[in-house]
Amino acid sequence: MARGTTFCAILHLKEDNARFVLLVLILLLYMLIGAGIFHLIEGSTETRERLEYKEFFEDYINKSRLDNATFNETEFMEVLQKYARASAKGLLPEKRPRWDFPGAFYFVAT
C-alpha cells in the first residue's frame, strides 16, 4: 500500500460505512461461534436421545413380534408416551435434527 492510503480508501468506503461493515462482520462471527457452541452442546444430547428412542422402539417391535399373541396395555401406553415425548422433542427418525448447525444458527440469530 502506498503511503497515505487506508483500508477504507482501497475499498472506496467512508469511515462510517467501514465501521458498519466491521460491526456486521464481528456480529456474524459472534453468531457463527455461538451456533457452533450450541451445536456441540445440544447436538450430542439430541443424538443420544434419538438413539435411545430408536433402540427402545426397535426393542418393543422385536418383542411384540415374538409375543404377537399377547397384548400388554401397560407396555403399549408406555410406547405411546415415549413416542409423544420424542415427537415433541423432534427426535423421530423422519424429522431433521433440531440442533444441526443450521438449526443452531437460526436459534442464535433469533
Foldseek 3Di string as FASTA:
>chain_A
DDPPDDPCVVVVHDPVVVVVVVVVVVVVVVLLVQLVVQLVPVVVVLVVLLVVLVVVVVVVVVVCVVVVVDDDPVVVVVNVVSVVVCVVCQSDPVGDDCSDSVNSSVVSVD
